[in-house]
Amino acid sequence: MFEEHRFIQGMFAFKGRGLETPVSLEPKAIYQVPPDKRAQLIYCRVGNPTPEFLYLVLQRDGRPMRLFPCGGKSGIHVPLAIIDDIHADCVLELVIAAPEGLAAKVMIDMGFMEDRSAADAVLGDPMLANLISKDPGNLERWVIVSVDEAYMHCSKHIPSMRKIDHEVDWGTDDVRAKGGDYFAAAPPKVIAAQHAGWPMLLAMRLSPK
């Protein structure tokens, strides 16, 4: 499993110094990304038992990253719609801005997801580690490919590895040019016929011979 969850949770005390002066919580709400991982902020919940408006500031290496405003005697739940990668060794601290002189506690539940990098995940595979240990001299580099979507194509779209002496009808839907219709995906052929003096349409599906 490459993902692990980390949380900042509990009741944190503070004393406000004005809405334009965020201060640290007590105890400090700090999270540092491990040196071999990246992290993502997933959600934030805040409960404000005071009658005053306040807001939390999530700082990354001392600079504001997210703001979470919360009205008096209310709570918020924020599932993040925009999720940023937080790189290894970054220090996150949650600070608070509240009216001057307001001393109280605030409830916080903030969730992070730690994720090993793709390279660490692959190179940490036991089978690959065994190959590296047995033959380290001939291993030059590894290429990691991530596939988002994959499609099945007709064989005519896969170029041959040798020269051929005939033209290829790229993009054609002709059954004969494609060499058959194994999956019976061709649309029915519509022909006109006469019946009792009235024109009608007959649908016929041609099977490959």
Protein backbone atom coordinates (compact mmCIF):
# COMPACT_ATOMS: atom_id res chain seq x y z
CA MET A 1 0.00 0.00 0.00
CA PHE A 2 1.55 3.30 -1.12
CA GLU A 3 -0.86 5.71 0.61
CA GLU A 4 -1.01 6.62 4.29
CA HIS A 5 -3.28 9.06 6.11
CA ARG A 6 -2.16 11.75 8.56
CA PHE A 7 -4.34 14.04 10.68
CA ILE A 8 -4.26 17.21 12.76
CA GLN A 9 -7.08 16.72 15.26
CA GLY A 10 -8.18 18.10 18.64
CA MET A 11 -9.09 21.21 20.59
CA PHE A 12 -6.52 23.99 20.18
CA ALA A 13 -6.28 27.13 22.31
CA PHE A 14 -5.58 30.61 20.98
CA LYS A 15 -5.63 34.29 21.91
CA GLY A 16 -6.61 36.60 19.07
CA ARG A 17 -4.50 39.55 17.98
CA GLY A 18 -6.84 40.87 15.30
CA LEU A 19 -8.24 39.50 12.07
CA GLU A 20 -5.20 40.68 10.13
CA THR A 21 -2.65 39.06 12.45
CA PRO A 22 -2.73 35.24 12.42
CA VAL A 23 -1.13 33.57 15.46
CA SER A 24 0.00 30.04 16.26
CA LEU A 25 -2.31 27.64 18.04
CA GLU A 26 -1.53 26.04 21.40
CA PRO A 27 -0.26 23.38 21.04
CA LYS A 28 1.13 24.22 17.62
CA ALA A 29 -0.59 22.46 14.72
CA ILE A 30 2.36 21.45 12.54
CA TYR A 31 2.82 18.70 9.96
CA GLN A 32 6.01 18.00 7.97
CA VAL A 33 5.99 15.90 4.81
CA PRO A 34 8.41 12.93 5.12
CA PRO A 35 11.59 13.19 2.99
CA ASP A 36 10.63 10.20 0.81
CA LYS A 37 6.98 11.14 0.17
CA ARG A 38 4.64 13.80 -1.11
CA ALA A 39 1.39 14.79 0.56
CA GLN A 40 -2.02 16.22 -0.32
CA LEU A 41 -4.51 18.09 1.83
CA ILE A 42 -7.83 16.25 1.50
CA TYR A 43 -10.28 17.99 3.85
CA CYS A 44 -10.64 20.38 6.78
CA ARG A 45 -13.28 20.59 9.54
CA VAL A 46 -13.46 23.48 11.98
CA GLY A 47 -15.76 24.02 14.98
CA ASN A 48 -15.98 27.53 16.43
CA PRO A 49 -17.73 27.69 19.86
CA THR A 50 -17.18 31.45 20.22
CA PRO A 51 -19.71 34.09 19.06
CA GLU A 52 -17.02 35.78 16.93
CA PHE A 53 -15.95 35.30 13.33
CA LEU A 54 -12.48 33.79 12.89
CA TYR A 55 -10.50 31.97 10.25
CA LEU A 56 -7.67 29.46 9.97
CA VAL A 57 -4.69 29.84 7.67
CA LEU A 58 -2.75 26.82 6.44
CA GLN A 59 0.83 27.98 5.83
CA ARG A 60 3.36 26.11 3.71
CA ASP A 61 6.92 26.96 4.69
CA GLY A 62 5.66 30.18 6.26
CA ARG A 63 3.49 31.34 3.34
CA PRO A 64 -0.35 31.17 3.21
CA MET A 65 -1.67 28.21 1.23
CA ARG A 66 -5.37 27.91 2.20
CA LEU A 67 -7.88 29.98 4.21
CA PHE A 68 -10.79 28.47 6.18
CA PRO A 69 -13.29 31.09 7.44
CA CYS A 70 -15.74 30.10 10.17
CA GLY A 71 -18.64 32.14 11.59
CA GLY A 72 -19.52 32.48 15.26
CA LYS A 73 -20.97 29.41 17.00
CA SER A 74 -20.78 27.37 13.82
CA GLY A 75 -18.69 24.79 12.03
CA ILE A 76 -17.45 24.10 8.52
CA HIS A 77 -16.51 21.04 6.53
CA VAL A 78 -14.38 21.67 3.45
CA PRO A 79 -13.69 18.77 1.03
CA LEU A 80 -10.96 20.14 -1.20
CA ALA A 81 -11.90 20.57 -4.87
CA ILE A 82 -8.39 21.76 -5.79
CA ILE A 83 -5.73 19.43 -4.42
CA ASP A 84 -2.08 20.44 -4.61
CA ASP A 85 0.96 18.20 -4.29
CA ILE A 86 2.96 19.16 -1.22
CA HIS A 87 6.54 18.13 -1.78
CA ALA A 88 8.91 16.29 0.54
CA ASP A 89 10.21 18.13 3.63
CA CYS A 90 7.63 20.96 3.35
CA VAL A 91 6.47 22.22 6.76
CA LEU A 92 2.76 23.00 7.15
CA GLU A 93 1.43 24.99 10.10
CA LEU A 94 -2.17 25.86 10.88
CA VAL A 95 -2.53 29.34 12.41
CA ILE A 96 -5.60 31.34 13.41
CA ALA A 97 -6.81 34.93 13.05
CA ALA A 98 -9.40 36.13 15.55
CA PRO A 99 -10.59 39.45 17.06
CA GLU A 100 -8.19 41.20 19.42
CA GLY A 101 -8.24 39.72 22.93
CA LEU A 102 -10.51 36.77 22.11
CA ALA A 103 -9.21 33.79 24.14
CA ALA A 104 -10.86 30.42 23.50
CA LYS A 105 -10.44 27.02 21.93
CA VAL A 106 -11.30 25.81 18.45
CA MET A 107 -11.95 22.26 17.23
CA ILE A 108 -9.88 21.15 14.23
CA ASP A 109 -9.93 17.99 12.11
CA MET A 110 -7.64 18.19 9.08
CA GLY A 111 -6.70 15.22 6.92
CA PHE A 112 -3.67 14.65 4.68
CA MET A 113 -2.76 11.79 2.38
CA GLU A 114 0.88 10.76 2.09
CA ASP A 115 1.92 9.07 -1.13
CA ARG A 116 5.21 7.52 -2.14
CA SER A 117 6.52 8.72 -5.49
CA ALA A 118 6.10 6.42 -8.50
CA ALA A 119 9.85 5.88 -8.64
CA ASP A 120 10.01 4.85 -4.97
CA ALA A 121 7.03 2.55 -5.44
CA VAL A 122 8.60 0.76 -8.41
CA LEU A 123 12.15 0.62 -7.12
CA GLY A 124 10.85 -0.68 -3.80
CA ASP A 125 9.34 -3.73 -5.51
CA PRO A 126 11.06 -6.89 -4.15
CA MET A 127 11.38 -8.54 -7.59
CA LEU A 128 13.01 -5.45 -9.10
CA ALA A 129 15.29 -5.04 -6.09
CA ASN A 130 16.41 -8.63 -6.59
CA LEU A 131 17.23 -7.97 -10.27
CA ILE A 132 19.23 -4.87 -9.38
CA SER A 133 21.23 -6.73 -6.74
CA LYS A 134 22.06 -9.57 -9.17
CA ASP A 135 23.04 -7.47 -12.18
CA PRO A 136 23.65 -3.82 -11.19
CA GLY A 137 26.23 -3.14 -13.91
CA ASN A 138 23.88 -3.56 -16.90
CA LEU A 139 20.95 -1.54 -15.58
CA GLU A 140 21.14 1.91 -17.16
CA ARG A 141 17.75 3.48 -16.44
CA TRP A 142 14.11 2.71 -15.72
CA VAL A 143 11.17 4.31 -17.50
CA ILE A 144 7.87 4.53 -15.61
CA VAL A 145 4.76 4.72 -17.81
CA SER A 146 1.37 5.71 -16.41
CA VAL A 147 -1.61 4.68 -18.59
CA ASP A 148 -4.77 6.79 -18.21
CA GLU A 149 -6.78 5.26 -21.06
CA ALA A 150 -6.26 2.34 -23.43
CA TYR A 151 -8.13 1.33 -26.58
CA MET A 152 -8.30 -1.77 -28.79
CA HIS A 153 -7.62 -0.97 -32.44
CA CYS A 154 -8.02 -2.95 -35.63
CA SER A 155 -4.78 -4.65 -36.66
CA LYS A 156 -4.61 -2.49 -39.79
CA HIS A 157 -3.78 0.48 -37.54
CA ILE A 158 -0.66 -1.27 -36.23
CA PRO A 159 2.10 -0.69 -38.81
CA SER A 160 4.01 -3.79 -39.88
CA MET A 161 7.69 -4.05 -39.03
CA ARG A 162 8.55 -4.68 -42.67
CA LYS A 163 7.83 -2.97 -45.97
CA ILE A 164 4.72 -4.12 -47.79
CA ASP A 165 3.92 -3.83 -51.50
CA HIS A 166 0.30 -2.71 -51.27
CA GLU A 167 -1.58 0.34 -50.08
CA VAL A 168 -3.22 0.36 -46.63
CA ASP A 169 -6.64 2.01 -46.39
CA TRP A 170 -6.03 3.88 -43.14
CA GLY A 171 -9.29 4.88 -41.43
CA THR A 172 -11.52 2.80 -43.69
CA ASP A 173 -14.63 1.04 -42.42
CA ASP A 174 -14.79 -1.26 -45.43
CA VAL A 175 -15.15 -4.85 -44.20
CA ARG A 176 -13.13 -6.33 -47.07
CA ALA A 177 -10.28 -3.81 -46.64
CA LYS A 178 -10.15 -4.57 -42.93
CA GLY A 179 -9.98 -8.30 -43.59
CA GLY A 180 -13.34 -9.19 -42.08
CA ASP A 181 -15.72 -8.15 -39.32
CA TYR A 182 -14.91 -10.60 -36.54
CA PHE A 183 -16.85 -8.67 -33.89
CA ALA A 184 -19.87 -8.12 -36.20
CA ALA A 185 -19.59 -4.39 -35.64
CA ALA A 186 -20.38 -3.31 -39.21
CA PRO A 187 -23.67 -1.41 -39.62
CA PRO A 188 -26.43 -3.25 -41.51
CA LYS A 189 -26.57 -2.70 -45.27
CA VAL A 190 -29.85 -1.11 -46.31
CA ILE A 191 -31.32 -2.02 -49.71
CA ALA A 192 -34.56 -0.99 -51.41
CA ALA A 193 -37.13 -3.58 -52.45
CA GLN A 194 -40.63 -3.65 -53.92
CA HIS A 195 -43.46 -5.39 -52.15
CA ALA A 196 -47.07 -5.28 -53.19
CA GLY A 197 -46.44 -2.12 -55.15
CA TRP A 198 -45.05 -0.22 -52.16
CA PRO A 199 -41.35 0.56 -51.62
CA MET A 200 -39.92 -0.72 -48.35
CA LEU A 201 -36.50 -1.01 -46.77
CA LEU A 202 -34.89 -4.31 -45.87
CA ALA A 203 -31.92 -4.47 -43.52
CA MET A 204 -29.36 -7.19 -44.19
CA ARG A 205 -26.17 -7.81 -42.25
CA LEU A 206 -23.48 -9.29 -44.43
CA SER A 207 -21.35 -11.96 -42.77
CA PRO A 208 -17.69 -12.23 -43.86
CA LYS A 209 -16.94 -15.25 -45.96
